[in-house]
Amino acid sequence: ESAWNLWRIAKLRNGVWEMKFEIAIFDKDGTLTEPISGGQFVQCPKDQKLAPGVAEKLSALRAAGIRMGIATNQGGVSAGYKSPYDAIKELYCGEELTKIPVGILCPNMDGSQAWAVTPQGSFLLKESQQHGFWRKPGPGMLLYLCSFFGGTSKKAIFVGDREEDRLAAENAGMAF
């Protein structure tokens, strides 16, 4: 079962979903997707499928006009398990599965870099001199996505499955 519940983002009232937030940002691995291979981590970009129940929940949010993005640490790049290109391709495949059009990934352990990935392509975001800014539990990816959507962290929720996700939301000043 997916690590999140729709009720955290919306409330059902008289058969109609009322949204509590304007922006929903999701962790990818373990929250939106899981490896097809059954391993702990995605082995290649196509080794992922939607977690159970995710498609229906995202569809409800999309229908309600919620703006959605993905924020994911990709420590496998720093550890040498995958290339930056593979991490970008993996996020792009995750975006295709979820139909969420924008994601940010942090490929390095010091959190100084992040890549934005969209259907139009990928690009390196400005490097941060602040240690850990982009890498969760740092707030960088979440704050960037709120700004990208023209909103603020007060009108956003971050949905994830790990303690670093909860801390990232707290550090960005948003709900978890």
N, C-alpha and C. Protein backbone atom coordinates (compact mmCIF):
# COMPACT_ATOMS: atom_id res chain seq x y z
N GLU A 1 0.85 -1.19 0.00
CA GLU A 1 0.00 0.00 0.00
C GLU A 1 0.89 1.24 0.00
N SER A 2 0.46 2.22 -0.72
CA SER A 2 1.17 3.48 -0.81
C SER A 2 1.30 4.11 0.57
N ALA A 3 2.34 4.91 0.75
CA ALA A 3 2.61 5.52 2.05
C ALA A 3 1.73 6.74 2.34
N TRP A 4 0.82 7.07 1.45
CA TRP A 4 0.02 8.27 1.69
C TRP A 4 -1.45 8.02 1.47
N ASN A 5 -2.24 8.88 2.09
CA ASN A 5 -3.69 8.80 1.99
C ASN A 5 -4.23 10.10 1.43
N LEU A 6 -5.22 9.99 0.58
CA LEU A 6 -5.82 11.16 -0.05
C LEU A 6 -6.37 12.14 0.99
N TRP A 7 -6.85 11.63 2.13
CA TRP A 7 -7.45 12.51 3.13
C TRP A 7 -6.47 13.52 3.68
N ARG A 8 -5.17 13.28 3.56
CA ARG A 8 -4.18 14.25 4.01
C ARG A 8 -4.19 15.50 3.14
N ILE A 9 -4.67 15.35 1.91
CA ILE A 9 -4.65 16.44 0.95
C ILE A 9 -6.05 17.01 0.73
N ALA A 10 -7.07 16.17 0.90
CA ALA A 10 -8.43 16.58 0.61
C ALA A 10 -9.40 15.99 1.63
N LYS A 11 -10.58 16.58 1.66
CA LYS A 11 -11.63 16.08 2.54
C LYS A 11 -12.87 15.84 1.70
N LEU A 12 -13.50 14.69 1.88
CA LEU A 12 -14.72 14.37 1.16
C LEU A 12 -15.91 14.97 1.92
N ARG A 13 -16.62 15.88 1.28
CA ARG A 13 -17.78 16.52 1.90
C ARG A 13 -18.94 16.47 0.92
N ASN A 14 -20.01 15.79 1.33
CA ASN A 14 -21.19 15.64 0.48
C ASN A 14 -20.85 15.07 -0.90
N GLY A 15 -19.94 14.10 -0.91
CA GLY A 15 -19.58 13.43 -2.16
C GLY A 15 -18.63 14.21 -3.05
N VAL A 16 -18.12 15.35 -2.56
CA VAL A 16 -17.21 16.19 -3.35
C VAL A 16 -15.90 16.35 -2.58
N TRP A 17 -14.78 16.18 -3.28
CA TRP A 17 -13.48 16.37 -2.64
C TRP A 17 -13.19 17.85 -2.51
N GLU A 18 -12.93 18.31 -1.30
CA GLU A 18 -12.49 19.68 -1.04
C GLU A 18 -11.01 19.64 -0.73
N MET A 19 -10.24 20.40 -1.49
CA MET A 19 -8.79 20.37 -1.36
C MET A 19 -8.32 21.26 -0.21
N LYS A 20 -7.42 20.74 0.59
CA LYS A 20 -6.84 21.48 1.71
C LYS A 20 -5.62 22.30 1.26
N PHE A 21 -5.04 21.93 0.10
CA PHE A 21 -3.82 22.56 -0.39
C PHE A 21 -3.94 22.85 -1.88
N GLU A 22 -3.11 23.76 -2.37
CA GLU A 22 -3.08 24.08 -3.80
C GLU A 22 -1.98 23.31 -4.52
N ILE A 23 -0.96 22.92 -3.76
CA ILE A 23 0.22 22.25 -4.33
C ILE A 23 0.48 20.98 -3.54
N ALA A 24 0.72 19.88 -4.25
CA ALA A 24 1.11 18.62 -3.61
C ALA A 24 2.43 18.18 -4.24
N ILE A 25 3.43 18.00 -3.41
CA ILE A 25 4.75 17.55 -3.85
C ILE A 25 4.98 16.17 -3.26
N PHE A 26 5.49 15.27 -4.07
CA PHE A 26 5.65 13.88 -3.67
C PHE A 26 7.08 13.42 -3.79
N ASP A 27 7.51 12.62 -2.83
CA ASP A 27 8.71 11.81 -2.98
C ASP A 27 8.35 10.76 -4.04
N LYS A 28 9.32 10.26 -4.77
CA LYS A 28 9.03 9.27 -5.81
C LYS A 28 9.13 7.84 -5.30
N ASP A 29 10.31 7.42 -4.93
CA ASP A 29 10.56 6.01 -4.57
C ASP A 29 9.88 5.65 -3.25
N GLY A 30 9.00 4.67 -3.29
CA GLY A 30 8.32 4.22 -2.09
C GLY A 30 7.03 4.97 -1.80
N THR A 31 6.83 6.10 -2.45
CA THR A 31 5.62 6.89 -2.25
C THR A 31 4.72 6.80 -3.48
N LEU A 32 5.29 7.15 -4.63
CA LEU A 32 4.55 7.07 -5.89
C LEU A 32 4.82 5.78 -6.64
N THR A 33 6.08 5.36 -6.62
CA THR A 33 6.48 4.20 -7.41
C THR A 33 7.20 3.15 -6.55
N GLU A 34 7.28 1.96 -7.12
CA GLU A 34 8.04 0.87 -6.51
C GLU A 34 8.72 0.09 -7.62
N PRO A 35 9.82 -0.58 -7.32
CA PRO A 35 10.55 -1.33 -8.35
C PRO A 35 9.75 -2.54 -8.85
N ILE A 36 9.72 -2.72 -10.15
CA ILE A 36 9.10 -3.90 -10.75
C ILE A 36 9.91 -5.14 -10.37
N SER A 37 11.23 -4.99 -10.29
CA SER A 37 12.13 -6.10 -10.00
C SER A 37 11.95 -6.68 -8.60
N GLY A 38 11.26 -5.93 -7.74
CA GLY A 38 11.09 -6.39 -6.36
C GLY A 38 12.25 -6.01 -5.47
N GLY A 39 13.27 -5.37 -6.02
CA GLY A 39 14.42 -4.94 -5.22
C GLY A 39 14.07 -3.75 -4.35
N GLN A 40 15.03 -3.35 -3.53
CA GLN A 40 14.80 -2.20 -2.64
C GLN A 40 14.82 -0.90 -3.44
N PHE A 41 15.63 -0.86 -4.51
CA PHE A 41 15.77 0.35 -5.31
C PHE A 41 15.52 0.02 -6.78
N VAL A 42 15.12 1.03 -7.53
CA VAL A 42 14.95 0.90 -8.98
C VAL A 42 16.31 0.57 -9.58
N GLN A 43 16.35 -0.46 -10.43
CA GLN A 43 17.61 -0.92 -11.01
C GLN A 43 17.95 -0.22 -12.33
N CYS A 44 16.93 0.24 -13.05
CA CYS A 44 17.11 0.98 -14.30
C CYS A 44 15.86 1.84 -14.47
N PRO A 45 15.88 2.83 -15.36
CA PRO A 45 14.74 3.74 -15.47
C PRO A 45 13.38 3.07 -15.65
N LYS A 46 13.31 1.98 -16.40
CA LYS A 46 12.02 1.33 -16.65
C LYS A 46 11.62 0.33 -15.56
N ASP A 47 12.46 0.15 -14.53
CA ASP A 47 12.17 -0.79 -13.43
C ASP A 47 11.32 -0.13 -12.36
N GLN A 48 10.19 0.44 -12.75
CA GLN A 48 9.31 1.07 -11.77
C GLN A 48 7.86 1.00 -12.25
N LYS A 49 7.00 0.88 -11.26
CA LYS A 49 5.56 0.88 -11.52
C LYS A 49 4.90 1.72 -10.43
N LEU A 50 3.67 2.14 -10.68
CA LEU A 50 2.95 2.89 -9.66
C LEU A 50 2.67 2.01 -8.46
N ALA A 51 2.82 2.58 -7.28
CA ALA A 51 2.45 1.87 -6.06
C ALA A 51 0.93 1.68 -6.07
N PRO A 52 0.43 0.66 -5.39
CA PRO A 52 -1.01 0.41 -5.37
C PRO A 52 -1.82 1.63 -4.92
N GLY A 53 -2.88 1.93 -5.66
CA GLY A 53 -3.80 3.02 -5.32
C GLY A 53 -3.36 4.40 -5.75
N VAL A 54 -2.13 4.54 -6.21
CA VAL A 54 -1.61 5.87 -6.55
C VAL A 54 -2.33 6.48 -7.75
N ALA A 55 -2.58 5.72 -8.79
CA ALA A 55 -3.20 6.26 -10.01
C ALA A 55 -4.54 6.93 -9.70
N GLU A 56 -5.37 6.28 -8.90
CA GLU A 56 -6.68 6.82 -8.56
C GLU A 56 -6.56 8.10 -7.74
N LYS A 57 -5.63 8.11 -6.80
CA LYS A 57 -5.45 9.29 -5.95
C LYS A 57 -4.94 10.48 -6.77
N LEU A 58 -3.98 10.23 -7.65
CA LEU A 58 -3.46 11.31 -8.48
C LEU A 58 -4.53 11.83 -9.43
N SER A 59 -5.35 10.95 -9.94
CA SER A 59 -6.43 11.34 -10.83
C SER A 59 -7.41 12.28 -10.12
N ALA A 60 -7.75 11.97 -8.87
CA ALA A 60 -8.64 12.83 -8.10
C ALA A 60 -8.02 14.20 -7.86
N LEU A 61 -6.75 14.23 -7.55
CA LEU A 61 -6.06 15.51 -7.32
C LEU A 61 -5.98 16.31 -8.62
N ARG A 62 -5.67 15.65 -9.71
CA ARG A 62 -5.58 16.30 -11.02
C ARG A 62 -6.94 16.91 -11.39
N ALA A 63 -8.00 16.15 -11.18
CA ALA A 63 -9.35 16.63 -11.50
C ALA A 63 -9.73 17.85 -10.66
N ALA A 64 -9.19 17.94 -9.47
CA ALA A 64 -9.47 19.07 -8.58
C ALA A 64 -8.57 20.27 -8.85
N GLY A 65 -7.64 20.14 -9.79
CA GLY A 65 -6.77 21.26 -10.14
C GLY A 65 -5.56 21.44 -9.26
N ILE A 66 -5.22 20.43 -8.48
CA ILE A 66 -4.03 20.51 -7.62
C ILE A 66 -2.79 20.46 -8.51
N ARG A 67 -1.86 21.39 -8.29
CA ARG A 67 -0.58 21.39 -9.01
C ARG A 67 0.34 20.41 -8.29
N MET A 68 0.99 19.54 -9.06
CA MET A 68 1.79 18.47 -8.46
C MET A 68 3.20 18.42 -9.01
N GLY A 69 4.14 18.08 -8.14
CA GLY A 69 5.53 17.91 -8.53
C GLY A 69 6.16 16.78 -7.74
N ILE A 70 7.35 16.39 -8.16
CA ILE A 70 8.10 15.31 -7.51
C ILE A 70 9.43 15.87 -7.02
N ALA A 71 9.84 15.49 -5.81
CA ALA A 71 11.15 15.85 -5.26
C ALA A 71 11.82 14.57 -4.78
N THR A 72 12.96 14.23 -5.36
CA THR A 72 13.59 12.95 -5.02
C THR A 72 15.10 13.07 -4.86
N ASN A 73 15.60 12.51 -3.76
CA ASN A 73 17.05 12.34 -3.60
C ASN A 73 17.46 11.16 -4.46
N GLN A 74 18.60 11.26 -5.10
CA GLN A 74 19.12 10.15 -5.90
C GLN A 74 20.56 9.89 -5.50
N GLY A 75 20.71 9.40 -4.26
CA GLY A 75 22.04 9.12 -3.71
C GLY A 75 22.79 8.04 -4.46
N GLY A 76 22.07 7.24 -5.26
CA GLY A 76 22.74 6.20 -6.06
C GLY A 76 23.73 6.78 -7.05
N VAL A 77 23.57 8.05 -7.41
CA VAL A 77 24.53 8.70 -8.32
C VAL A 77 25.86 8.87 -7.58
N SER A 78 25.83 9.47 -6.39
CA SER A 78 27.05 9.67 -5.60
C SER A 78 27.70 8.36 -5.21
N ALA A 79 26.86 7.34 -4.96
CA ALA A 79 27.38 6.03 -4.56
C ALA A 79 27.93 5.23 -5.75
N GLY A 80 27.73 5.74 -6.96
CA GLY A 80 28.28 5.07 -8.14
C GLY A 80 27.39 3.97 -8.72
N TYR A 81 26.14 3.86 -8.24
CA TYR A 81 25.23 2.83 -8.75
C TYR A 81 24.56 3.22 -10.05
N LYS A 82 24.48 4.54 -10.31
CA LYS A 82 23.86 5.01 -11.54
C LYS A 82 24.50 6.33 -11.94
N SER A 83 24.36 6.66 -13.19
CA SER A 83 24.91 7.92 -13.70
C SER A 83 23.87 9.03 -13.51
N PRO A 84 24.31 10.28 -13.58
CA PRO A 84 23.32 11.37 -13.53
C PRO A 84 22.28 11.22 -14.65
N TYR A 85 22.71 10.81 -15.82
CA TYR A 85 21.78 10.61 -16.93
C TYR A 85 20.73 9.56 -16.57
N ASP A 86 21.15 8.45 -15.95
CA ASP A 86 20.20 7.40 -15.55
C ASP A 86 19.20 7.93 -14.52
N ALA A 87 19.68 8.76 -13.59
CA ALA A 87 18.78 9.32 -12.57
C ALA A 87 17.76 10.25 -13.21
N ILE A 88 18.19 11.05 -14.18
CA ILE A 88 17.27 11.95 -14.89
C ILE A 88 16.26 11.12 -15.68
N LYS A 89 16.73 10.10 -16.37
CA LYS A 89 15.83 9.23 -17.15
C LYS A 89 14.85 8.51 -16.22
N GLU A 90 15.31 8.07 -15.06
CA GLU A 90 14.45 7.40 -14.08
C GLU A 90 13.34 8.35 -13.61
N LEU A 91 13.70 9.60 -13.33
CA LEU A 91 12.68 10.57 -12.91
C LEU A 91 11.72 10.85 -14.06
N TYR A 92 12.23 10.98 -15.26
CA TYR A 92 11.37 11.22 -16.42
C TYR A 92 10.37 10.06 -16.58
N CYS A 93 10.84 8.83 -16.44
CA CYS A 93 9.93 7.67 -16.53
C CYS A 93 8.90 7.70 -15.41
N GLY A 94 9.31 8.11 -14.21
CA GLY A 94 8.38 8.25 -13.09
C GLY A 94 7.33 9.32 -13.37
N GLU A 95 7.74 10.41 -14.00
CA GLU A 95 6.80 11.46 -14.38
C GLU A 95 5.80 10.94 -15.41
N GLU A 96 6.28 10.14 -16.35
CA GLU A 96 5.37 9.56 -17.35
C GLU A 96 4.34 8.64 -16.68
N LEU A 97 4.80 7.82 -15.74
CA LEU A 97 3.89 6.91 -15.03
C LEU A 97 2.82 7.67 -14.23
N THR A 98 3.24 8.71 -13.55
CA THR A 98 2.35 9.44 -12.65
C THR A 98 1.58 10.55 -13.36
N LYS A 99 2.05 10.93 -14.53
CA LYS A 99 1.50 12.08 -15.26
C LYS A 99 1.71 13.38 -14.47
N ILE A 100 2.74 13.41 -13.65
CA ILE A 100 3.15 14.62 -12.95
C ILE A 100 4.24 15.25 -13.81
N PRO A 101 4.03 16.48 -14.30
CA PRO A 101 4.89 17.01 -15.34
C PRO A 101 6.23 17.61 -14.94
N VAL A 102 6.50 17.75 -13.65
CA VAL A 102 7.77 18.35 -13.25
C VAL A 102 8.31 17.66 -12.01
N GLY A 103 9.61 17.45 -12.02
CA GLY A 103 10.27 16.86 -10.87
C GLY A 103 11.65 17.47 -10.69
N ILE A 104 12.15 17.37 -9.47
CA ILE A 104 13.49 17.83 -9.13
C ILE A 104 14.22 16.66 -8.49
N LEU A 105 15.46 16.48 -8.88
CA LEU A 105 16.26 15.43 -8.23
C LEU A 105 17.58 16.01 -7.75
N CYS A 106 18.03 15.51 -6.61
CA CYS A 106 19.33 15.87 -6.06
C CYS A 106 20.23 14.65 -6.18
N PRO A 107 21.28 14.73 -7.03
CA PRO A 107 22.12 13.57 -7.27
C PRO A 107 23.30 13.40 -6.33
N ASN A 108 23.60 14.42 -5.53
CA ASN A 108 24.82 14.33 -4.72
C ASN A 108 24.51 14.39 -3.23
N MET A 109 25.41 13.80 -2.45
CA MET A 109 25.19 13.69 -1.01
C MET A 109 25.35 15.02 -0.28
N ASP A 110 26.12 15.97 -0.84
CA ASP A 110 26.29 17.24 -0.14
C ASP A 110 25.15 18.22 -0.41
N GLY A 111 24.22 17.86 -1.31
CA GLY A 111 23.05 18.69 -1.54
C GLY A 111 23.31 19.99 -2.27
N SER A 112 24.43 20.10 -2.97
CA SER A 112 24.76 21.35 -3.64
C SER A 112 24.16 21.46 -5.04
N GLN A 113 23.67 20.35 -5.60
CA GLN A 113 23.13 20.36 -6.96
C GLN A 113 21.73 19.78 -7.01
N ALA A 114 20.97 20.26 -7.99
CA ALA A 114 19.66 19.68 -8.28
C ALA A 114 19.36 19.87 -9.76
N TRP A 115 18.63 18.93 -10.30
CA TRP A 115 18.21 18.97 -11.70
C TRP A 115 16.70 19.06 -11.76
N ALA A 116 16.19 19.93 -12.61
CA ALA A 116 14.76 19.98 -12.91
C ALA A 116 14.53 19.10 -14.13
N VAL A 117 13.48 18.29 -14.09
CA VAL A 117 13.17 17.38 -15.19
C VAL A 117 11.72 17.62 -15.59
N THR A 118 11.52 17.98 -16.86
CA THR A 118 10.19 18.25 -17.41
C THR A 118 10.06 17.53 -18.75
N PRO A 119 8.87 17.46 -19.32
CA PRO A 119 8.73 16.85 -20.64
C PRO A 119 9.55 17.58 -21.72
N GLN A 120 9.86 18.85 -21.48
CA GLN A 120 10.65 19.62 -22.45
C GLN A 120 12.15 19.38 -22.31
N GLY A 121 12.58 18.74 -21.24
CA GLY A 121 14.00 18.47 -21.05
C GLY A 121 14.39 18.62 -19.59
N SER A 122 15.68 18.55 -19.36
CA SER A 122 16.20 18.67 -18.00
C SER A 122 17.27 19.75 -17.98
N PHE A 123 17.43 20.38 -16.81
CA PHE A 123 18.46 21.40 -16.68
C PHE A 123 18.92 21.48 -15.24
N LEU A 124 20.19 21.83 -15.08
CA LEU A 124 20.80 21.97 -13.76
C LEU A 124 20.33 23.28 -13.14
N LEU A 125 19.80 23.19 -11.93
CA LEU A 125 19.41 24.39 -11.21
C LEU A 125 20.65 25.05 -10.63
N LYS A 126 20.53 26.28 -10.21
CA LYS A 126 21.66 27.01 -9.64
C LYS A 126 22.24 26.23 -8.46
N GLU A 127 23.55 26.08 -8.45
CA GLU A 127 24.19 25.38 -7.34
C GLU A 127 24.10 26.23 -6.08
N SER A 128 23.93 25.56 -4.96
CA SER A 128 23.80 26.25 -3.68
C SER A 128 25.11 26.15 -2.90
N GLN A 129 25.47 27.26 -2.29
CA GLN A 129 26.64 27.28 -1.41
C GLN A 129 26.25 26.80 0.00
N GLN A 130 24.94 26.74 0.25
CA GLN A 130 24.44 26.29 1.55
C GLN A 130 24.47 24.76 1.58
N HIS A 131 25.26 24.19 2.47
CA HIS A 131 25.40 22.73 2.54
C HIS A 131 24.04 22.07 2.76
N GLY A 132 23.72 21.10 1.92
CA GLY A 132 22.51 20.32 2.07
C GLY A 132 21.23 20.98 1.61
N PHE A 133 21.32 22.15 0.96
CA PHE A 133 20.11 22.89 0.59
C PHE A 133 19.18 22.08 -0.32
N TRP A 134 19.72 21.47 -1.36
CA TRP A 134 18.87 20.75 -2.31
C TRP A 134 18.49 19.36 -1.82
N ARG A 135 19.35 18.68 -1.11
CA ARG A 135 19.09 17.30 -0.71
C ARG A 135 18.16 17.26 0.51
N LYS A 136 17.09 16.46 0.42
CA LYS A 136 16.24 16.28 1.60
C LYS A 136 17.07 15.65 2.71
N PRO A 137 17.00 16.16 3.91
CA PRO A 137 15.95 16.97 4.51
C PRO A 137 16.07 18.48 4.29
N GLY A 138 16.98 18.93 3.43
CA GLY A 138 17.03 20.35 3.10
C GLY A 138 15.75 20.77 2.36
N PRO A 139 15.42 22.05 2.39
CA PRO A 139 14.16 22.51 1.82
C PRO A 139 14.20 22.89 0.35
N GLY A 140 15.38 22.86 -0.27
CA GLY A 140 15.55 23.44 -1.61
C GLY A 140 14.60 22.96 -2.68
N MET A 141 14.47 21.64 -2.85
CA MET A 141 13.60 21.13 -3.91
C MET A 141 12.15 21.52 -3.67
N LEU A 142 11.70 21.49 -2.43
CA LEU A 142 10.31 21.81 -2.11
C LEU A 142 10.03 23.29 -2.34
N LEU A 143 10.93 24.15 -1.89
CA LEU A 143 10.74 25.58 -2.08
C LEU A 143 10.78 25.95 -3.56
N TYR A 144 11.67 25.30 -4.31
CA TYR A 144 11.75 25.57 -5.75
C TYR A 144 10.43 25.22 -6.43
N LEU A 145 9.87 24.05 -6.11
CA LEU A 145 8.62 23.63 -6.74
C LEU A 145 7.47 24.56 -6.36
N CYS A 146 7.41 25.00 -5.11
CA CYS A 146 6.36 25.96 -4.72
C CYS A 146 6.48 27.23 -5.56
N SER A 147 7.68 27.74 -5.71
CA SER A 147 7.91 28.94 -6.52
C SER A 147 7.56 28.69 -7.98
N PHE A 148 7.96 27.54 -8.50
CA PHE A 148 7.66 27.16 -9.89
C PHE A 148 6.14 27.21 -10.14
N PHE A 149 5.36 26.75 -9.17
CA PHE A 149 3.91 26.72 -9.31
C PHE A 149 3.25 28.05 -8.93
N GLY A 150 4.05 29.04 -8.54
CA GLY A 150 3.50 30.35 -8.19
C GLY A 150 2.81 30.37 -6.84
N GLY A 151 3.19 29.46 -5.97
CA GLY A 151 2.56 29.38 -4.66
C GLY A 151 3.58 29.53 -3.54
N THR A 152 3.12 29.26 -2.33
CA THR A 152 3.99 29.32 -1.17
C THR A 152 3.93 27.99 -0.43
N SER A 153 4.90 27.79 0.43
CA SER A 153 4.95 26.54 1.19
C SER A 153 3.75 26.41 2.13
N LYS A 154 3.13 27.50 2.51
CA LYS A 154 1.97 27.45 3.42
C LYS A 154 0.74 26.84 2.73
N LYS A 155 0.73 26.83 1.40
CA LYS A 155 -0.40 26.27 0.64
C LYS A 155 -0.01 24.96 -0.03
N ALA A 156 1.03 24.32 0.52
CA ALA A 156 1.55 23.09 -0.07
C ALA A 156 1.67 21.99 0.97
N ILE A 157 1.68 20.77 0.46
CA ILE A 157 1.93 19.59 1.30
C ILE A 157 2.99 18.75 0.60
N PHE A 158 3.87 18.15 1.41
CA PHE A 158 4.85 17.21 0.88
C PHE A 158 4.48 15.83 1.40
N VAL A 159 4.39 14.88 0.49
CA VAL A 159 4.01 13.51 0.83
C VAL A 159 5.20 12.60 0.57
N GLY A 160 5.67 11.92 1.61
CA GLY A 160 6.80 11.02 1.48
C GLY A 160 6.70 9.89 2.47
N ASP A 161 7.70 9.02 2.43
CA ASP A 161 7.65 7.82 3.26
C ASP A 161 8.81 7.68 4.22
N ARG A 162 9.66 8.68 4.32
CA ARG A 162 10.84 8.56 5.16
C ARG A 162 10.95 9.76 6.09
N GLU A 163 11.75 9.61 7.13
CA GLU A 163 11.97 10.68 8.09
C GLU A 163 12.60 11.90 7.39
N GLU A 164 13.48 11.70 6.44
CA GLU A 164 14.08 12.83 5.73
C GLU A 164 13.03 13.62 4.96
N ASP A 165 11.96 12.96 4.53
CA ASP A 165 10.86 13.65 3.85
C ASP A 165 10.09 14.53 4.83
N ARG A 166 9.78 13.99 5.99
CA ARG A 166 9.08 14.76 7.02
C ARG A 166 9.89 15.99 7.42
N LEU A 167 11.20 15.80 7.60
CA LEU A 167 12.07 16.90 7.98
C LEU A 167 12.19 17.95 6.87
N ALA A 168 12.21 17.51 5.61
CA ALA A 168 12.26 18.45 4.49
C ALA A 168 11.01 19.33 4.49
N ALA A 169 9.85 18.72 4.72
CA ALA A 169 8.60 19.50 4.78
C ALA A 169 8.67 20.50 5.93
N GLU A 170 9.13 20.05 7.08
CA GLU A 170 9.26 20.94 8.24
C GLU A 170 10.22 22.09 7.93
N ASN A 171 11.37 21.78 7.32
CA ASN A 171 12.36 22.79 6.99
C ASN A 171 11.86 23.78 5.94
N ALA A 172 10.93 23.34 5.09
CA ALA A 172 10.36 24.22 4.08
C ALA A 172 9.12 24.97 4.59
N GLY A 173 8.66 24.62 5.79
CA GLY A 173 7.51 25.29 6.36
C GLY A 173 6.19 24.84 5.73
N MET A 174 6.12 23.57 5.35
CA MET A 174 4.89 23.07 4.75
C MET A 174 4.38 21.85 5.49
N ALA A 175 3.15 21.49 5.21
CA ALA A 175 2.52 20.33 5.84
C ALA A 175 3.14 19.05 5.31
N PHE A 176 3.03 18.00 6.14
CA PHE A 176 3.51 16.68 5.75
C PHE A 176 2.42 15.67 6.06
